[in-house]
């Protein structure tokens, strides 16, 4: 279970970083196409993450305001 929480994200980040660093130093047309495709996907995922984060933050604070918990104002 610890592998899935700590080592796997680090491994994915490390491999992705190595691939993109290699793409920078070896500008092959195939790697440039991959970079373009991945950049588009990252923009889409980032947009959804931003919407999800703002919605979650709004919901958490709306519940505190509705219940008038200490420090809500």
C-alpha atoms as a PDB file:
ATOM      1  CA  UNK A   1       0.000   0.000   0.000  1.00  0.00           C
ATOM      2  CA  UNK A   2       2.901   2.344   0.728  1.00  0.00           C
ATOM      3  CA  UNK A   3       4.202   1.666  -2.798  1.00  0.00           C
ATOM      4  CA  UNK A   4       0.983   2.979  -4.334  1.00  0.00           C
ATOM      5  CA  UNK A   5       0.992   6.120  -2.199  1.00  0.00           C
ATOM      6  CA  UNK A   6       4.657   7.111  -2.320  1.00  0.00           C
ATOM      7  CA  UNK A   7       6.865   5.202  -4.716  1.00  0.00           C
ATOM      8  CA  UNK A   8       4.495   4.918  -7.685  1.00  0.00           C
ATOM      9  CA  UNK A   9       3.847   8.681  -8.036  1.00  0.00           C
ATOM     10  CA  UNK A  10       7.579   9.332  -7.669  1.00  0.00           C
ATOM     11  CA  UNK A  11       8.362   6.705 -10.294  1.00  0.00           C
ATOM     12  CA  UNK A  12       5.821   8.152 -12.740  1.00  0.00           C
ATOM     13  CA  UNK A  13       7.167  11.671 -12.175  1.00  0.00           C
ATOM     14  CA  UNK A  14      10.774  10.545 -12.609  1.00  0.00           C
ATOM     15  CA  UNK A  15      10.107   8.621 -15.831  1.00  0.00           C
ATOM     16  CA  UNK A  16       8.051  11.487 -17.264  1.00  0.00           C
ATOM     17  CA  UNK A  17      10.802  13.966 -16.400  1.00  0.00           C
ATOM     18  CA  UNK A  18      13.440  11.821 -18.066  1.00  0.00           C
ATOM     19  CA  UNK A  19      11.317  11.456 -21.215  1.00  0.00           C
ATOM     20  CA  UNK A  20      10.716  15.199 -21.497  1.00  0.00           C
ATOM     21  CA  UNK A  21      14.357  16.021 -20.787  1.00  0.00           C
ATOM     22  CA  UNK A  22      15.385  13.593 -23.519  1.00  0.00           C
ATOM     23  CA  UNK A  23      12.876  15.221 -25.876  1.00  0.00           C
ATOM     24  CA  UNK A  24      14.479  18.600 -25.230  1.00  0.00           C
ATOM     25  CA  UNK A  25      17.965  17.367 -26.136  1.00  0.00           C
ATOM     26  CA  UNK A  26      16.917  15.072 -29.009  1.00  0.00           C
ATOM     27  CA  UNK A  27      14.390  17.049 -31.075  1.00  0.00           C
ATOM     28  CA  UNK A  28      13.001  14.240 -33.217  1.00  0.00           C
ATOM     29  CA  UNK A  29       9.680  14.834 -35.071  1.00  0.00           C
ATOM     30  CA  UNK A  30       8.057  11.908 -33.251  1.00  0.00           C
ATOM     31  CA  UNK A  31       9.037  13.283 -29.854  1.00  0.00           C
ATOM     32  CA  UNK A  32       7.807  16.755 -30.825  1.00  0.00           C
ATOM     33  CA  UNK A  33       4.436  15.262 -31.790  1.00  0.00           C
ATOM     34  CA  UNK A  34       4.309  13.463 -28.453  1.00  0.00           C
ATOM     35  CA  UNK A  35       5.123  16.688 -26.617  1.00  0.00           C
ATOM     36  CA  UNK A  36       2.334  18.522 -28.445  1.00  0.00           C
ATOM     37  CA  UNK A  37      -0.169  15.779 -27.645  1.00  0.00           C
ATOM     38  CA  UNK A  38       0.834  15.578 -23.985  1.00  0.00           C
ATOM     39  CA  UNK A  39       0.702  19.372 -23.634  1.00  0.00           C
ATOM     40  CA  UNK A  40      -2.872  19.406 -24.916  1.00  0.00           C
ATOM     41  CA  UNK A  41      -3.885  16.653 -22.500  1.00  0.00           C
ATOM     42  CA  UNK A  42      -2.197  18.461 -19.598  1.00  0.00           C
ATOM     43  CA  UNK A  43      -4.151  21.626 -20.390  1.00  0.00           C
ATOM     44  CA  UNK A  44      -7.410  19.663 -20.406  1.00  0.00           C
ATOM     45  CA  UNK A  45      -6.619  17.827 -17.163  1.00  0.00           C
ATOM     46  CA  UNK A  46      -5.431  21.062 -15.541  1.00  0.00           C
ATOM     47  CA  UNK A  47      -8.674  22.787 -16.450  1.00  0.00           C
ATOM     48  CA  UNK A  48     -10.770  20.041 -14.913  1.00  0.00           C
ATOM     49  CA  UNK A  49      -8.552  19.996 -11.810  1.00  0.00           C
ATOM     50  CA  UNK A  50      -8.979  23.744 -11.410  1.00  0.00           C
ATOM     51  CA  UNK A  51     -12.769  23.488 -11.701  1.00  0.00           C
ATOM     52  CA  UNK A  52     -12.849  20.579  -9.246  1.00  0.00           C
ATOM     53  CA  UNK A  53     -10.617  22.394  -6.745  1.00  0.00           C
ATOM     54  CA  UNK A  54     -12.597  25.647  -6.820  1.00  0.00           C
ATOM     55  CA  UNK A  55     -15.886  23.761  -6.495  1.00  0.00           C
ATOM     56  CA  UNK A  56     -14.577  21.742  -3.548  1.00  0.00           C
ATOM     57  CA  UNK A  57     -13.230  24.833  -1.807  1.00  0.00           C
ATOM     58  CA  UNK A  58     -16.517  26.670  -2.304  1.00  0.00           C
ATOM     59  CA  UNK A  59     -18.493  23.698  -0.975  1.00  0.00           C
ATOM     60  CA  UNK A  60     -16.346  23.345   2.160  1.00  0.00           C
ATOM     61  CA  UNK A  61     -16.659  27.023   3.036  1.00  0.00           C
ATOM     62  CA  UNK A  62     -20.357  27.164   2.164  1.00  0.00           C
ATOM     63  CA  UNK A  63     -21.032  24.359   4.655  1.00  0.00           C
ATOM     64  CA  UNK A  64     -19.101  26.215   7.377  1.00  0.00           C
ATOM     65  CA  UNK A  65     -21.024  29.430   6.680  1.00  0.00           C
ATOM     66  CA  UNK A  66     -24.368  27.610   6.643  1.00  0.00           C
ATOM     67  CA  UNK A  67     -23.635  25.950  10.018  1.00  0.00           C
ATOM     68  CA  UNK A  68     -22.086  29.169  11.403  1.00  0.00           C
ATOM     69  CA  UNK A  69     -19.157  27.274  12.839  1.00  0.00           C
ATOM     70  CA  UNK A  70     -16.584  29.178  14.894  1.00  0.00           C
ATOM     71  CA  UNK A  71     -14.466  31.345  12.639  1.00  0.00           C
ATOM     72  CA  UNK A  72     -16.926  31.272   9.737  1.00  0.00           C
ATOM     73  CA  UNK A  73     -16.936  35.039   9.351  1.00  0.00           C
END
